[in-house]
Amino acid sequence: MKMTRKISWTLLLAAAVSFTQCKDAGDDVQIDDENELITSVTLKFTEEGTNNTTSFSYKDADGDGGNAPARFDTIALKPNKTYTLAIELLDESKTPASNITDEVAEESDEHLFVYTPAPSTLLTYTYGDKDANNYVIGLTGKAVTTAAGTGKLTVQLRHQPGTKNGTPSPGSDDVNLDFILKVQ
């Protein structure tokens, strides 16, 4: 009986030791890359050959889900024009607001903006920047409108840590917005 108890206690002690985590040996613990909290997206269109810049914004103080956006502008552009397009991202849930645009630029090898007009004949987007691996980013580019019409412009920021290959498919969305687009 005493021998059975000794074996039971020994097994219990061994199990407890095997489930106990050892102290970190000094290596930095890497936190998984998470999607960014983005509460404000502003698209800045500057008409080519002019200093005319028009901005269109989306603002949602609590981020995706929860309360409805406080602002969701309709993009209104002139037909048959070329624009330089720049995007600005903020996390305004913090004080002061955090400029996520800078973070995306610093981590450009993990991010890709995708601009998709529908119908596709309303606007053509050409990327104006690339990351260190020669993949496009989309912080800046050219937007060319065609004839007048109405549709939408989907703006996505794909978060692709370790998987960016120049296509939208790997990763997850940091931003996925459908702006109403009017070319008039």
N, C-alpha and C. Protein backbone atom coordinates (compact mmCIF):
# COMPACT_ATOMS: atom_id res chain seq x y z
N MET A 1 0.82 -1.19 0.00
CA MET A 1 0.00 0.00 0.00
C MET A 1 0.86 1.25 0.00
N LYS A 2 1.92 1.26 0.88
CA LYS A 2 2.81 2.42 0.92
C LYS A 2 3.54 2.59 -0.41
N MET A 3 3.89 1.50 -1.04
CA MET A 3 4.60 1.56 -2.32
C MET A 3 3.69 2.16 -3.40
N THR A 4 2.39 1.81 -3.40
CA THR A 4 1.45 2.34 -4.36
C THR A 4 1.27 3.84 -4.17
N ARG A 5 1.23 4.30 -2.92
CA ARG A 5 1.12 5.75 -2.65
C ARG A 5 2.36 6.48 -3.12
N LYS A 6 3.53 5.92 -2.89
CA LYS A 6 4.78 6.57 -3.33
C LYS A 6 4.79 6.71 -4.85
N ILE A 7 4.37 5.65 -5.53
CA ILE A 7 4.35 5.70 -7.00
C ILE A 7 3.32 6.74 -7.47
N SER A 8 2.15 6.79 -6.83
CA SER A 8 1.11 7.77 -7.18
C SER A 8 1.62 9.19 -6.99
N TRP A 9 2.24 9.47 -5.84
CA TRP A 9 2.77 10.81 -5.57
C TRP A 9 3.89 11.16 -6.54
N THR A 10 4.72 10.19 -6.87
CA THR A 10 5.82 10.44 -7.81
C THR A 10 5.26 10.77 -9.19
N LEU A 11 4.27 10.02 -9.64
CA LEU A 11 3.64 10.30 -10.93
C LEU A 11 2.95 11.66 -10.94
N LEU A 12 2.26 12.00 -9.85
CA LEU A 12 1.59 13.29 -9.75
C LEU A 12 2.60 14.43 -9.79
N LEU A 13 3.71 14.28 -9.07
CA LEU A 13 4.76 15.30 -9.05
C LEU A 13 5.38 15.44 -10.44
N ALA A 14 5.64 14.32 -11.11
CA ALA A 14 6.22 14.36 -12.45
C ALA A 14 5.28 15.05 -13.43
N ALA A 15 3.99 14.77 -13.32
CA ALA A 15 3.01 15.42 -14.20
C ALA A 15 2.97 16.92 -13.95
N ALA A 16 3.00 17.32 -12.68
CA ALA A 16 2.97 18.75 -12.35
C ALA A 16 4.19 19.46 -12.89
N VAL A 17 5.35 18.84 -12.77
CA VAL A 17 6.59 19.45 -13.27
C VAL A 17 6.55 19.56 -14.78
N SER A 18 6.01 18.56 -15.47
CA SER A 18 6.00 18.60 -16.93
C SER A 18 5.06 19.68 -17.47
N PHE A 19 4.05 20.05 -16.69
CA PHE A 19 3.13 21.10 -17.13
C PHE A 19 3.54 22.48 -16.65
N THR A 20 4.59 22.61 -15.91
CA THR A 20 5.06 23.89 -15.42
C THR A 20 5.94 24.52 -16.49
N GLN A 21 5.71 25.79 -16.78
CA GLN A 21 6.48 26.47 -17.81
C GLN A 21 7.79 26.95 -17.22
N CYS A 22 8.86 26.74 -17.95
CA CYS A 22 10.16 27.22 -17.51
C CYS A 22 10.25 28.72 -17.74
N LYS A 23 11.09 29.39 -17.00
CA LYS A 23 11.30 30.81 -17.15
C LYS A 23 11.94 31.09 -18.50
N ASP A 24 11.59 32.20 -19.10
CA ASP A 24 12.13 32.61 -20.39
C ASP A 24 13.64 32.71 -20.30
N ALA A 25 14.31 32.21 -21.31
CA ALA A 25 15.77 32.22 -21.33
C ALA A 25 16.31 33.55 -21.83
N GLY A 26 15.49 34.59 -21.89
CA GLY A 26 15.97 35.90 -22.32
C GLY A 26 15.60 36.23 -23.74
N ASP A 27 15.00 35.29 -24.47
CA ASP A 27 14.59 35.56 -25.84
C ASP A 27 13.37 36.46 -25.83
N ASP A 28 13.31 37.37 -26.80
CA ASP A 28 12.15 38.24 -26.92
C ASP A 28 10.97 37.42 -27.41
N VAL A 29 9.84 37.60 -26.78
CA VAL A 29 8.63 36.91 -27.19
C VAL A 29 8.01 37.71 -28.33
N GLN A 30 7.70 37.04 -29.43
CA GLN A 30 7.10 37.70 -30.58
C GLN A 30 5.59 37.60 -30.48
N ILE A 31 4.92 38.74 -30.50
CA ILE A 31 3.47 38.79 -30.48
C ILE A 31 2.98 38.63 -31.91
N ASP A 32 1.95 37.82 -32.11
CA ASP A 32 1.40 37.63 -33.45
C ASP A 32 0.99 38.98 -34.03
N ASP A 33 1.23 39.15 -35.34
CA ASP A 33 0.79 40.36 -36.02
C ASP A 33 -0.72 40.37 -36.06
N GLU A 34 -1.32 41.41 -35.51
CA GLU A 34 -2.77 41.54 -35.52
C GLU A 34 -3.16 42.63 -36.50
N ASN A 35 -4.42 42.62 -36.89
CA ASN A 35 -4.92 43.67 -37.76
C ASN A 35 -4.92 44.99 -37.01
N GLU A 36 -4.75 46.05 -37.77
CA GLU A 36 -4.71 47.39 -37.20
C GLU A 36 -6.13 47.87 -36.88
N LEU A 37 -6.28 48.67 -35.81
CA LEU A 37 -7.55 49.35 -35.56
C LEU A 37 -7.49 50.66 -36.32
N ILE A 38 -8.37 50.80 -37.28
CA ILE A 38 -8.41 52.00 -38.13
C ILE A 38 -9.79 52.59 -38.00
N THR A 39 -9.85 53.81 -37.48
CA THR A 39 -11.14 54.47 -37.26
C THR A 39 -11.42 55.55 -38.30
N SER A 40 -10.41 55.92 -39.09
CA SER A 40 -10.58 56.99 -40.07
C SER A 40 -9.76 56.69 -41.32
N VAL A 41 -10.42 56.77 -42.48
CA VAL A 41 -9.77 56.58 -43.78
C VAL A 41 -10.10 57.81 -44.61
N THR A 42 -9.08 58.48 -45.12
CA THR A 42 -9.29 59.64 -45.98
C THR A 42 -8.57 59.44 -47.30
N LEU A 43 -9.33 59.56 -48.39
CA LEU A 43 -8.78 59.49 -49.75
C LEU A 43 -8.62 60.90 -50.26
N LYS A 44 -7.40 61.24 -50.69
CA LYS A 44 -7.11 62.59 -51.19
C LYS A 44 -6.80 62.51 -52.68
N PHE A 45 -7.71 63.10 -53.48
CA PHE A 45 -7.56 63.12 -54.94
C PHE A 45 -7.09 64.50 -55.36
N THR A 46 -5.92 64.59 -55.99
CA THR A 46 -5.40 65.85 -56.52
C THR A 46 -5.44 65.79 -58.04
N GLU A 47 -6.22 66.70 -58.63
CA GLU A 47 -6.37 66.71 -60.09
C GLU A 47 -5.04 67.07 -60.74
N GLU A 48 -4.64 66.26 -61.72
CA GLU A 48 -3.37 66.46 -62.40
C GLU A 48 -3.32 67.83 -63.08
N GLY A 49 -2.19 68.51 -62.94
CA GLY A 49 -2.00 69.83 -63.55
C GLY A 49 -2.56 70.97 -62.72
N THR A 50 -3.12 70.66 -61.55
CA THR A 50 -3.67 71.69 -60.67
C THR A 50 -3.22 71.42 -59.23
N ASN A 51 -3.59 72.33 -58.36
CA ASN A 51 -3.38 72.12 -56.92
C ASN A 51 -4.70 71.77 -56.24
N ASN A 52 -5.72 71.46 -57.03
CA ASN A 52 -7.05 71.15 -56.50
C ASN A 52 -7.06 69.75 -55.88
N THR A 53 -7.14 69.71 -54.56
CA THR A 53 -7.23 68.44 -53.84
C THR A 53 -8.59 68.35 -53.18
N THR A 54 -9.25 67.22 -53.41
CA THR A 54 -10.54 66.96 -52.80
C THR A 54 -10.39 65.71 -51.95
N SER A 55 -10.88 65.79 -50.70
CA SER A 55 -10.77 64.66 -49.77
C SER A 55 -12.13 64.06 -49.48
N PHE A 56 -12.14 62.74 -49.34
CA PHE A 56 -13.34 61.99 -49.02
C PHE A 56 -12.99 61.05 -47.87
N SER A 57 -13.86 61.04 -46.84
CA SER A 57 -13.50 60.32 -45.62
C SER A 57 -14.55 59.32 -45.17
N TYR A 58 -14.05 58.38 -44.40
CA TYR A 58 -14.85 57.41 -43.66
C TYR A 58 -14.37 57.53 -42.22
N LYS A 59 -15.31 57.68 -41.27
CA LYS A 59 -14.96 57.76 -39.85
C LYS A 59 -15.90 56.89 -39.04
N ASP A 60 -15.30 56.02 -38.23
CA ASP A 60 -16.06 55.13 -37.35
C ASP A 60 -15.28 55.03 -36.05
N ALA A 61 -15.72 55.77 -35.03
CA ALA A 61 -14.97 55.93 -33.78
C ALA A 61 -14.67 54.62 -33.08
N ASP A 62 -15.53 53.62 -33.22
CA ASP A 62 -15.28 52.35 -32.52
C ASP A 62 -14.76 51.26 -33.45
N GLY A 63 -14.37 51.63 -34.68
CA GLY A 63 -13.84 50.65 -35.62
C GLY A 63 -14.94 49.80 -36.22
N ASP A 64 -14.55 48.74 -36.88
CA ASP A 64 -15.49 47.85 -37.57
C ASP A 64 -16.46 47.22 -36.57
N GLY A 65 -17.73 47.19 -36.92
CA GLY A 65 -18.75 46.65 -36.02
C GLY A 65 -19.20 47.71 -35.03
N GLY A 66 -20.04 47.35 -34.10
CA GLY A 66 -20.51 48.30 -33.09
C GLY A 66 -21.39 49.36 -33.71
N ASN A 67 -21.09 50.63 -33.39
CA ASN A 67 -21.89 51.75 -33.88
C ASN A 67 -21.65 52.00 -35.36
N ALA A 68 -22.62 52.59 -36.01
CA ALA A 68 -22.52 52.94 -37.42
C ALA A 68 -21.48 54.04 -37.60
N PRO A 69 -20.86 54.13 -38.79
CA PRO A 69 -19.89 55.20 -39.04
C PRO A 69 -20.52 56.58 -38.86
N ALA A 70 -19.75 57.51 -38.32
CA ALA A 70 -20.21 58.89 -38.16
C ALA A 70 -20.14 59.64 -39.48
N ARG A 71 -19.28 59.14 -40.39
CA ARG A 71 -19.11 59.81 -41.69
C ARG A 71 -18.73 58.77 -42.73
N PHE A 72 -19.37 58.84 -43.89
CA PHE A 72 -19.04 57.96 -45.00
C PHE A 72 -19.34 58.74 -46.27
N ASP A 73 -18.35 59.50 -46.76
CA ASP A 73 -18.53 60.40 -47.89
C ASP A 73 -18.75 59.64 -49.20
N THR A 74 -19.44 60.31 -50.10
CA THR A 74 -19.55 59.86 -51.48
C THR A 74 -18.41 60.49 -52.25
N ILE A 75 -17.67 59.69 -53.01
CA ILE A 75 -16.57 60.20 -53.83
C ILE A 75 -17.16 60.79 -55.10
N ALA A 76 -16.90 62.07 -55.34
CA ALA A 76 -17.39 62.76 -56.55
C ALA A 76 -16.18 63.29 -57.33
N LEU A 77 -15.97 62.76 -58.53
CA LEU A 77 -14.84 63.15 -59.37
C LEU A 77 -15.34 63.59 -60.74
N LYS A 78 -14.50 64.36 -61.43
CA LYS A 78 -14.84 64.82 -62.78
C LYS A 78 -14.53 63.72 -63.79
N PRO A 79 -15.32 63.66 -64.88
CA PRO A 79 -15.04 62.65 -65.91
C PRO A 79 -13.78 62.97 -66.71
N ASN A 80 -13.14 61.93 -67.21
CA ASN A 80 -11.98 62.03 -68.10
C ASN A 80 -10.85 62.87 -67.50
N LYS A 81 -10.56 62.64 -66.23
CA LYS A 81 -9.49 63.36 -65.53
C LYS A 81 -8.54 62.36 -64.90
N THR A 82 -7.31 62.82 -64.67
CA THR A 82 -6.30 62.04 -63.97
C THR A 82 -6.05 62.69 -62.63
N TYR A 83 -6.04 61.87 -61.59
CA TYR A 83 -5.83 62.33 -60.22
C TYR A 83 -4.67 61.56 -59.58
N THR A 84 -3.91 62.27 -58.74
CA THR A 84 -3.01 61.57 -57.85
C THR A 84 -3.83 61.22 -56.62
N LEU A 85 -3.76 59.95 -56.22
CA LEU A 85 -4.53 59.48 -55.07
C LEU A 85 -3.58 59.13 -53.94
N ALA A 86 -3.81 59.71 -52.78
CA ALA A 86 -3.07 59.37 -51.57
C ALA A 86 -4.09 58.99 -50.50
N ILE A 87 -3.70 58.11 -49.61
CA ILE A 87 -4.61 57.65 -48.57
C ILE A 87 -4.01 57.93 -47.20
N GLU A 88 -4.87 58.29 -46.25
CA GLU A 88 -4.44 58.53 -44.87
C GLU A 88 -5.30 57.68 -43.95
N LEU A 89 -4.65 57.01 -43.00
CA LEU A 89 -5.32 56.14 -42.04
C LEU A 89 -4.99 56.59 -40.63
N LEU A 90 -6.01 56.66 -39.78
CA LEU A 90 -5.80 57.05 -38.38
C LEU A 90 -6.51 56.08 -37.45
N ASP A 91 -5.95 55.93 -36.26
CA ASP A 91 -6.63 55.27 -35.14
C ASP A 91 -6.93 56.37 -34.14
N GLU A 92 -8.15 56.87 -34.17
CA GLU A 92 -8.55 57.98 -33.31
C GLU A 92 -9.15 57.50 -31.99
N SER A 93 -9.01 56.20 -31.70
CA SER A 93 -9.48 55.69 -30.41
C SER A 93 -8.48 56.02 -29.31
N LYS A 94 -7.31 56.53 -29.71
CA LYS A 94 -6.25 56.90 -28.76
C LYS A 94 -6.10 58.41 -28.74
N THR A 95 -5.54 58.91 -27.64
CA THR A 95 -5.23 60.34 -27.57
C THR A 95 -3.75 60.47 -27.26
N PRO A 96 -2.97 61.07 -28.14
CA PRO A 96 -3.36 61.59 -29.45
C PRO A 96 -3.61 60.45 -30.44
N ALA A 97 -4.27 60.79 -31.54
CA ALA A 97 -4.57 59.80 -32.57
C ALA A 97 -3.27 59.21 -33.11
N SER A 98 -3.33 57.94 -33.47
CA SER A 98 -2.17 57.24 -34.01
C SER A 98 -2.25 57.26 -35.53
N ASN A 99 -1.15 57.67 -36.19
CA ASN A 99 -1.12 57.72 -37.64
C ASN A 99 -0.76 56.33 -38.17
N ILE A 100 -1.75 55.59 -38.61
CA ILE A 100 -1.55 54.23 -39.12
C ILE A 100 -0.91 54.27 -40.50
N THR A 101 -1.03 55.38 -41.23
CA THR A 101 -0.39 55.51 -42.54
C THR A 101 1.11 55.31 -42.40
N ASP A 102 1.71 55.92 -41.39
CA ASP A 102 3.15 55.77 -41.16
C ASP A 102 3.51 54.33 -40.84
N GLU A 103 2.67 53.67 -40.04
CA GLU A 103 2.91 52.27 -39.69
C GLU A 103 2.83 51.38 -40.92
N VAL A 104 1.86 51.63 -41.80
CA VAL A 104 1.74 50.85 -43.04
C VAL A 104 2.96 51.08 -43.91
N ALA A 105 3.44 52.32 -43.99
CA ALA A 105 4.64 52.61 -44.78
C ALA A 105 5.86 51.88 -44.22
N GLU A 106 6.00 51.87 -42.90
CA GLU A 106 7.13 51.18 -42.26
C GLU A 106 7.04 49.67 -42.46
N GLU A 107 5.84 49.14 -42.48
CA GLU A 107 5.62 47.70 -42.65
C GLU A 107 5.04 47.41 -44.03
N SER A 108 5.55 48.10 -45.05
CA SER A 108 4.98 47.99 -46.40
C SER A 108 5.10 46.59 -46.97
N ASP A 109 6.05 45.79 -46.49
CA ASP A 109 6.18 44.42 -46.97
C ASP A 109 5.09 43.50 -46.40
N GLU A 110 4.22 44.06 -45.54
CA GLU A 110 3.12 43.30 -44.94
C GLU A 110 1.74 43.83 -45.34
N HIS A 111 1.70 44.89 -46.16
CA HIS A 111 0.43 45.55 -46.48
C HIS A 111 0.26 45.79 -47.97
N LEU A 112 -0.99 45.71 -48.42
CA LEU A 112 -1.33 45.98 -49.81
C LEU A 112 -2.71 46.63 -49.86
N PHE A 113 -2.79 47.81 -50.48
CA PHE A 113 -4.08 48.44 -50.75
C PHE A 113 -4.61 47.91 -52.07
N VAL A 114 -5.91 47.66 -52.11
CA VAL A 114 -6.57 47.20 -53.33
C VAL A 114 -7.73 48.16 -53.59
N TYR A 115 -7.74 48.77 -54.78
CA TYR A 115 -8.78 49.71 -55.17
C TYR A 115 -9.57 49.06 -56.31
N THR A 116 -10.86 48.80 -56.08
CA THR A 116 -11.67 48.09 -57.06
C THR A 116 -12.93 48.89 -57.38
N PRO A 117 -12.97 49.51 -58.58
CA PRO A 117 -14.19 50.22 -58.98
C PRO A 117 -15.21 49.25 -59.58
N ALA A 118 -16.47 49.57 -59.37
CA ALA A 118 -17.55 48.79 -59.99
C ALA A 118 -18.62 49.76 -60.44
N PRO A 119 -18.93 49.84 -61.72
CA PRO A 119 -18.31 49.05 -62.77
C PRO A 119 -16.86 49.46 -63.01
N SER A 120 -16.10 48.54 -63.55
CA SER A 120 -14.66 48.76 -63.74
C SER A 120 -14.35 49.87 -64.74
N THR A 121 -15.35 50.27 -65.54
CA THR A 121 -15.15 51.31 -66.55
C THR A 121 -15.15 52.72 -65.96
N LEU A 122 -15.53 52.88 -64.68
CA LEU A 122 -15.59 54.22 -64.08
C LEU A 122 -14.22 54.80 -63.77
N LEU A 123 -13.28 53.95 -63.41
CA LEU A 123 -12.00 54.45 -62.91
C LEU A 123 -10.94 53.37 -63.09
N THR A 124 -9.73 53.82 -63.42
CA THR A 124 -8.58 52.92 -63.48
C THR A 124 -7.56 53.40 -62.47
N TYR A 125 -7.04 52.47 -61.66
CA TYR A 125 -6.03 52.82 -60.65
C TYR A 125 -4.70 52.19 -61.03
N THR A 126 -3.62 53.00 -60.92
CA THR A 126 -2.27 52.52 -61.16
C THR A 126 -1.44 52.82 -59.92
N TYR A 127 -0.78 51.81 -59.38
CA TYR A 127 0.03 51.96 -58.17
C TYR A 127 1.21 52.89 -58.43
N GLY A 128 1.56 53.67 -57.40
CA GLY A 128 2.67 54.62 -57.51
C GLY A 128 3.82 54.31 -56.57
N ASP A 129 3.74 53.21 -55.82
CA ASP A 129 4.80 52.90 -54.86
C ASP A 129 4.98 51.39 -54.74
N LYS A 130 6.20 50.99 -54.29
CA LYS A 130 6.52 49.58 -54.12
C LYS A 130 7.30 49.39 -52.82
N ASP A 131 7.23 48.18 -52.29
CA ASP A 131 7.97 47.86 -51.07
C ASP A 131 9.38 47.37 -51.43
N ALA A 132 10.16 46.99 -50.44
CA ALA A 132 11.54 46.55 -50.64
C ALA A 132 11.63 45.28 -51.49
N ASN A 133 10.54 44.52 -51.57
CA ASN A 133 10.51 43.29 -52.37
C ASN A 133 9.94 43.53 -53.77
N ASN A 134 9.74 44.79 -54.12
CA ASN A 134 9.24 45.21 -55.42
C ASN A 134 7.77 44.87 -55.65
N TYR A 135 7.02 44.69 -54.54
CA TYR A 135 5.57 44.51 -54.63
C TYR A 135 4.89 45.85 -54.39
N VAL A 136 3.77 46.09 -55.08
CA VAL A 136 3.05 47.36 -54.94
C VAL A 136 2.46 47.49 -53.54
N ILE A 137 2.26 48.77 -53.13
CA ILE A 137 1.70 49.05 -51.80
C ILE A 137 0.33 49.71 -51.94
N GLY A 138 0.28 50.89 -52.60
CA GLY A 138 -0.98 51.59 -52.79
C GLY A 138 -1.21 52.77 -51.88
N LEU A 139 -0.17 53.23 -51.17
CA LEU A 139 -0.32 54.46 -50.39
C LEU A 139 -0.48 55.66 -51.32
N THR A 140 0.11 55.58 -52.51
CA THR A 140 -0.04 56.61 -53.54
C THR A 140 -0.21 55.93 -54.89
N GLY A 141 -0.84 56.66 -55.80
CA GLY A 141 -1.03 56.14 -57.15
C GLY A 141 -1.80 57.12 -58.00
N LYS A 142 -2.17 56.68 -59.18
CA LYS A 142 -2.94 57.50 -60.13
C LYS A 142 -4.32 56.89 -60.33
N ALA A 143 -5.33 57.74 -60.31
CA ALA A 143 -6.70 57.34 -60.60
C ALA A 143 -7.15 58.11 -61.83
N VAL A 144 -7.59 57.39 -62.83
CA VAL A 144 -8.05 58.00 -64.08
C VAL A 144 -9.52 57.67 -64.26
N THR A 145 -10.34 58.72 -64.35
CA THR A 145 -11.77 58.53 -64.56
C THR A 145 -12.08 58.46 -66.05
N THR A 146 -13.23 57.89 -66.36
CA THR A 146 -13.68 57.83 -67.75
C THR A 146 -14.96 58.66 -67.86
N ALA A 147 -15.89 58.24 -68.68
CA ALA A 147 -17.14 58.97 -68.87
C ALA A 147 -17.95 58.98 -67.57
N ALA A 148 -18.91 59.89 -67.53
CA ALA A 148 -19.76 60.03 -66.34
C ALA A 148 -20.50 58.74 -66.03
N GLY A 149 -20.69 58.50 -64.75
CA GLY A 149 -21.42 57.32 -64.30
C GLY A 149 -21.38 57.22 -62.78
N THR A 150 -22.12 56.26 -62.25
CA THR A 150 -22.20 56.05 -60.81
C THR A 150 -21.95 54.58 -60.51
N GLY A 151 -21.26 54.36 -59.39
CA GLY A 151 -20.99 52.99 -58.96
C GLY A 151 -20.40 53.01 -57.57
N LYS A 152 -19.38 52.20 -57.36
CA LYS A 152 -18.72 52.19 -56.07
C LYS A 152 -17.22 51.98 -56.26
N LEU A 153 -16.48 52.37 -55.25
CA LEU A 153 -15.04 52.13 -55.20
C LEU A 153 -14.77 51.38 -53.89
N THR A 154 -14.37 50.13 -54.01
CA THR A 154 -14.03 49.34 -52.84
C THR A 154 -12.56 49.59 -52.52
N VAL A 155 -12.30 49.96 -51.28
CA VAL A 155 -10.94 50.22 -50.81
C VAL A 155 -10.63 49.18 -49.73
N GLN A 156 -9.62 48.37 -50.00
CA GLN A 156 -9.20 47.34 -49.05
C GLN A 156 -7.74 47.58 -48.66
N LEU A 157 -7.44 47.35 -47.41
CA LEU A 157 -6.06 47.26 -46.96
C LEU A 157 -5.87 45.83 -46.50
N ARG A 158 -5.08 45.08 -47.26
CA ARG A 158 -4.82 43.68 -46.94
C ARG A 158 -3.60 43.61 -46.02
N HIS A 159 -3.75 42.90 -44.91
CA HIS A 159 -2.68 42.67 -43.94
C HIS A 159 -2.10 41.30 -44.26
N GLN A 160 -0.83 41.27 -44.71
CA GLN A 160 -0.24 40.05 -45.24
C GLN A 160 1.13 39.75 -44.63
N PRO A 161 1.26 39.70 -43.30
CA PRO A 161 2.58 39.44 -42.72
C PRO A 161 3.12 38.07 -43.11
N GLY A 162 4.30 38.08 -43.72
CA GLY A 162 4.96 36.84 -44.12
C GLY A 162 4.37 36.16 -45.33
N THR A 163 3.30 36.74 -45.94
CA THR A 163 2.65 36.08 -47.07
C THR A 163 2.49 36.99 -48.29
N LYS A 164 2.90 38.24 -48.21
CA LYS A 164 2.67 39.17 -49.32
C LYS A 164 3.38 38.67 -50.57
N ASN A 165 2.59 38.56 -51.66
CA ASN A 165 3.15 38.09 -52.92
C ASN A 165 2.71 38.94 -54.11
N GLY A 166 2.16 40.12 -53.83
CA GLY A 166 1.73 41.01 -54.90
C GLY A 166 0.28 40.82 -55.32
N THR A 167 -0.41 39.86 -54.69
CA THR A 167 -1.82 39.64 -54.98
C THR A 167 -2.64 39.87 -53.72
N PRO A 168 -3.92 40.17 -53.86
CA PRO A 168 -4.76 40.43 -52.69
C PRO A 168 -5.12 39.20 -51.86
N SER A 169 -4.97 38.00 -52.42
CA SER A 169 -5.52 36.82 -51.76
C SER A 169 -4.95 36.45 -50.40
N PRO A 170 -3.63 36.47 -50.15
CA PRO A 170 -3.23 36.07 -48.79
C PRO A 170 -3.55 37.16 -47.77
N GLY A 171 -3.73 36.76 -46.51
CA GLY A 171 -3.90 37.72 -45.43
C GLY A 171 -5.35 37.99 -45.08
N SER A 172 -5.54 39.10 -44.39
CA SER A 172 -6.86 39.50 -43.93
C SER A 172 -7.02 41.00 -44.13
N ASP A 173 -8.26 41.49 -43.97
CA ASP A 173 -8.54 42.91 -44.19
C ASP A 173 -8.32 43.73 -42.93
N ASP A 174 -7.54 44.81 -43.05
CA ASP A 174 -7.50 45.85 -42.03
C ASP A 174 -8.60 46.85 -42.33
N VAL A 175 -8.89 47.06 -43.62
CA VAL A 175 -9.93 47.97 -44.10
C VAL A 175 -10.63 47.28 -45.26
N ASN A 176 -11.95 47.43 -45.32
CA ASN A 176 -12.72 46.96 -46.47
C ASN A 176 -13.96 47.84 -46.54
N LEU A 177 -13.89 48.88 -47.38
CA LEU A 177 -14.94 49.89 -47.47
C LEU A 177 -15.47 50.01 -48.88
N ASP A 178 -16.77 50.19 -49.02
CA ASP A 178 -17.41 50.45 -50.31
C ASP A 178 -17.89 51.89 -50.34
N PHE A 179 -17.08 52.77 -50.95
CA PHE A 179 -17.47 54.16 -51.14
C PHE A 179 -18.38 54.24 -52.36
N ILE A 180 -19.42 55.06 -52.29
CA ILE A 180 -20.20 55.38 -53.49
C ILE A 180 -19.32 56.28 -54.35
N LEU A 181 -19.25 55.98 -55.65
CA LEU A 181 -18.40 56.74 -56.58
C LEU A 181 -19.28 57.35 -57.66
N LYS A 182 -19.21 58.67 -57.75
CA LYS A 182 -19.92 59.40 -58.79
C LYS A 182 -18.92 60.14 -59.65
N VAL A 183 -18.90 59.82 -60.92
CA VAL A 183 -18.09 60.53 -61.90
C VAL A 183 -19.06 61.38 -62.68
N GLN A 184 -18.97 62.72 -62.47
CA GLN A 184 -19.96 63.64 -63.06
C GLN A 184 -19.36 64.98 -63.42
